[in-house]
Amino acid sequence: MSADARWTQVAADGDLWEGDILGVDVAGRAILLVRLAGGAVKAYQEPARTRDSRWRTRTSTRTPAS
């Protein structure tokens, strides 16, 4: 994890069911949460322009505890 990364809770675990998506705003950045089959949650940040003009999306995954 990078030094500037931090955790911000935006929804309760029960708010996002398998197959659901949820758009939220965190500190002015659009975040899309997706609950995958099996329960893992992926978070996609809005695309950011890189110096070489390519689009990229940063993701992180949270898997529920068994």
N, C-alpha and C. Protein backbone atom coordinates (compact mmCIF):
# COMPACT_ATOMS: atom_id res chain seq x y z
N MET A 1 0.85 -1.18 0.00
CA MET A 1 0.00 0.00 0.00
C MET A 1 0.89 1.23 0.00
N SER A 2 0.54 2.22 -0.79
CA SER A 2 1.34 3.43 -0.87
C SER A 2 1.13 4.29 0.37
N ALA A 3 2.07 5.19 0.58
CA ALA A 3 2.03 6.05 1.77
C ALA A 3 0.81 6.96 1.78
N ASP A 4 0.27 7.32 0.60
CA ASP A 4 -0.87 8.23 0.57
C ASP A 4 -2.21 7.49 0.57
N ALA A 5 -2.21 6.17 0.62
CA ALA A 5 -3.45 5.39 0.65
C ALA A 5 -4.07 5.45 2.04
N ARG A 6 -5.39 5.49 2.08
CA ARG A 6 -6.09 5.49 3.37
C ARG A 6 -7.45 4.83 3.17
N TRP A 7 -8.02 4.34 4.24
CA TRP A 7 -9.29 3.64 4.21
C TRP A 7 -10.41 4.62 4.56
N THR A 8 -11.45 4.63 3.77
CA THR A 8 -12.64 5.43 4.04
C THR A 8 -13.85 4.53 3.84
N GLN A 9 -14.60 4.26 4.90
CA GLN A 9 -15.79 3.42 4.77
C GLN A 9 -16.90 4.26 4.16
N VAL A 10 -17.51 3.73 3.09
CA VAL A 10 -18.56 4.47 2.38
C VAL A 10 -19.90 3.76 2.41
N ALA A 11 -19.92 2.48 2.84
CA ALA A 11 -21.16 1.72 2.91
C ALA A 11 -20.96 0.56 3.88
N ALA A 12 -22.05 0.10 4.45
CA ALA A 12 -21.99 -1.08 5.31
C ALA A 12 -21.89 -2.32 4.44
N ASP A 13 -21.31 -3.38 4.97
CA ASP A 13 -21.10 -4.61 4.20
C ASP A 13 -22.42 -5.14 3.64
N GLY A 14 -23.50 -5.03 4.36
CA GLY A 14 -24.80 -5.53 3.90
C GLY A 14 -25.49 -4.65 2.87
N ASP A 15 -24.93 -3.47 2.58
CA ASP A 15 -25.54 -2.56 1.61
C ASP A 15 -25.27 -2.97 0.16
N LEU A 16 -24.30 -3.84 -0.04
CA LEU A 16 -23.89 -4.22 -1.39
C LEU A 16 -24.00 -5.73 -1.53
N TRP A 17 -25.01 -6.20 -2.25
CA TRP A 17 -25.25 -7.62 -2.44
C TRP A 17 -24.48 -8.13 -3.65
N GLU A 18 -24.30 -9.43 -3.75
CA GLU A 18 -23.59 -10.02 -4.87
C GLU A 18 -24.23 -9.58 -6.18
N GLY A 19 -23.41 -9.07 -7.09
CA GLY A 19 -23.89 -8.57 -8.38
C GLY A 19 -24.26 -7.10 -8.38
N ASP A 20 -24.29 -6.46 -7.22
CA ASP A 20 -24.64 -5.05 -7.13
C ASP A 20 -23.45 -4.16 -7.45
N ILE A 21 -23.77 -2.92 -7.87
CA ILE A 21 -22.77 -1.87 -8.02
C ILE A 21 -23.27 -0.65 -7.26
N LEU A 22 -22.34 0.14 -6.78
CA LEU A 22 -22.69 1.33 -6.02
C LEU A 22 -21.68 2.43 -6.34
N GLY A 23 -22.18 3.57 -6.78
CA GLY A 23 -21.32 4.72 -7.04
C GLY A 23 -21.30 5.62 -5.82
N VAL A 24 -20.11 6.01 -5.39
CA VAL A 24 -19.96 6.90 -4.24
C VAL A 24 -18.93 7.97 -4.57
N ASP A 25 -18.92 9.02 -3.77
CA ASP A 25 -17.95 10.10 -3.90
C ASP A 25 -17.10 10.11 -2.64
N VAL A 26 -15.79 10.06 -2.81
CA VAL A 26 -14.86 10.11 -1.68
C VAL A 26 -13.87 11.23 -1.94
N ALA A 27 -13.95 12.27 -1.14
CA ALA A 27 -13.05 13.42 -1.25
C ALA A 27 -13.00 13.96 -2.68
N GLY A 28 -14.18 14.03 -3.32
CA GLY A 28 -14.25 14.59 -4.65
C GLY A 28 -13.90 13.63 -5.78
N ARG A 29 -13.60 12.38 -5.46
CA ARG A 29 -13.29 11.37 -6.48
C ARG A 29 -14.45 10.40 -6.61
N ALA A 30 -14.85 10.11 -7.83
CA ALA A 30 -15.92 9.13 -8.07
C ALA A 30 -15.33 7.73 -7.92
N ILE A 31 -16.01 6.90 -7.11
CA ILE A 31 -15.59 5.51 -6.87
C ILE A 31 -16.78 4.61 -7.21
N LEU A 32 -16.50 3.52 -7.91
CA LEU A 32 -17.52 2.53 -8.24
C LEU A 32 -17.19 1.26 -7.47
N LEU A 33 -18.11 0.80 -6.61
CA LEU A 33 -17.94 -0.44 -5.87
C LEU A 33 -18.73 -1.54 -6.55
N VAL A 34 -18.14 -2.72 -6.70
CA VAL A 34 -18.78 -3.85 -7.36
C VAL A 34 -18.62 -5.08 -6.46
N ARG A 35 -19.74 -5.74 -6.12
CA ARG A 35 -19.69 -6.99 -5.35
C ARG A 35 -19.70 -8.14 -6.36
N LEU A 36 -18.58 -8.88 -6.43
CA LEU A 36 -18.42 -9.98 -7.37
C LEU A 36 -19.05 -11.26 -6.85
N ALA A 37 -19.21 -12.23 -7.74
CA ALA A 37 -19.67 -13.56 -7.33
C ALA A 37 -18.65 -14.11 -6.33
N GLY A 38 -19.11 -14.68 -5.26
CA GLY A 38 -18.21 -15.18 -4.22
C GLY A 38 -18.01 -14.18 -3.09
N GLY A 39 -18.45 -12.93 -3.28
CA GLY A 39 -18.43 -11.97 -2.20
C GLY A 39 -17.34 -10.91 -2.22
N ALA A 40 -16.32 -11.05 -3.07
CA ALA A 40 -15.26 -10.04 -3.11
C ALA A 40 -15.84 -8.72 -3.59
N VAL A 41 -15.29 -7.62 -3.07
CA VAL A 41 -15.70 -6.28 -3.47
C VAL A 41 -14.52 -5.61 -4.17
N LYS A 42 -14.77 -5.05 -5.36
CA LYS A 42 -13.74 -4.29 -6.08
C LYS A 42 -14.15 -2.83 -6.08
N ALA A 43 -13.16 -1.95 -5.94
CA ALA A 43 -13.39 -0.52 -5.97
C ALA A 43 -12.59 0.07 -7.12
N TYR A 44 -13.26 0.77 -8.02
CA TYR A 44 -12.63 1.39 -9.17
C TYR A 44 -12.67 2.90 -9.01
N GLN A 45 -11.51 3.56 -9.12
CA GLN A 45 -11.46 5.02 -9.08
C GLN A 45 -11.71 5.55 -10.47
N GLU A 46 -12.18 6.80 -10.51
CA GLU A 46 -12.37 7.44 -11.81
C GLU A 46 -11.03 7.44 -12.55
N PRO A 47 -11.05 7.32 -13.87
CA PRO A 47 -9.80 7.29 -14.62
C PRO A 47 -9.00 8.58 -14.42
N ALA A 48 -7.70 8.44 -14.41
CA ALA A 48 -6.80 9.59 -14.29
C ALA A 48 -5.88 9.60 -15.49
N ARG A 49 -5.61 10.76 -16.03
CA ARG A 49 -4.73 10.88 -17.18
C ARG A 49 -3.28 10.69 -16.73
N THR A 50 -2.53 9.91 -17.48
CA THR A 50 -1.11 9.76 -17.21
C THR A 50 -0.34 10.66 -18.15
N ARG A 51 0.95 10.83 -17.90
CA ARG A 51 1.76 11.72 -18.74
C ARG A 51 1.80 11.26 -20.19
N ASP A 52 1.69 9.96 -20.44
CA ASP A 52 1.74 9.48 -21.82
C ASP A 52 0.33 9.41 -22.45
N SER A 53 -0.62 10.10 -21.86
CA SER A 53 -1.99 10.23 -22.37
C SER A 53 -2.79 8.94 -22.39
N ARG A 54 -2.38 7.94 -21.66
CA ARG A 54 -3.16 6.70 -21.55
C ARG A 54 -4.08 6.79 -20.33
N TRP A 55 -5.26 6.22 -20.47
CA TRP A 55 -6.19 6.15 -19.35
C TRP A 55 -5.87 4.94 -18.50
N ARG A 56 -6.03 5.06 -17.21
CA ARG A 56 -5.82 3.92 -16.32
C ARG A 56 -6.86 3.96 -15.22
N THR A 57 -7.17 2.82 -14.68
CA THR A 57 -8.11 2.72 -13.56
C THR A 57 -7.41 1.97 -12.44
N ARG A 58 -7.39 2.54 -11.26
CA ARG A 58 -6.79 1.89 -10.11
C ARG A 58 -7.86 1.07 -9.41
N THR A 59 -7.51 -0.15 -9.02
CA THR A 59 -8.49 -1.00 -8.35
C THR A 59 -7.92 -1.56 -7.05
N SER A 60 -8.80 -1.90 -6.17
CA SER A 60 -8.44 -2.62 -4.96
C SER A 60 -9.54 -3.64 -4.70
N THR A 61 -9.19 -4.72 -4.07
CA THR A 61 -10.15 -5.78 -3.82
C THR A 61 -10.22 -6.10 -2.33
N ARG A 62 -11.42 -6.28 -1.82
CA ARG A 62 -11.63 -6.72 -0.44
C ARG A 62 -12.43 -8.00 -0.50
N THR A 63 -11.90 -9.05 0.11
CA THR A 63 -12.61 -10.32 0.17
C THR A 63 -13.14 -10.50 1.58
N PRO A 64 -14.42 -10.87 1.73
CA PRO A 64 -14.98 -11.03 3.07
C PRO A 64 -14.29 -12.15 3.84
N ALA A 65 -14.20 -11.97 5.14
CA ALA A 65 -13.60 -12.99 6.02
C ALA A 65 -14.49 -14.24 6.02
N SER A 66 -13.85 -15.40 6.07
CA SER A 66 -14.61 -16.67 6.06
C SER A 66 -15.06 -17.02 7.45
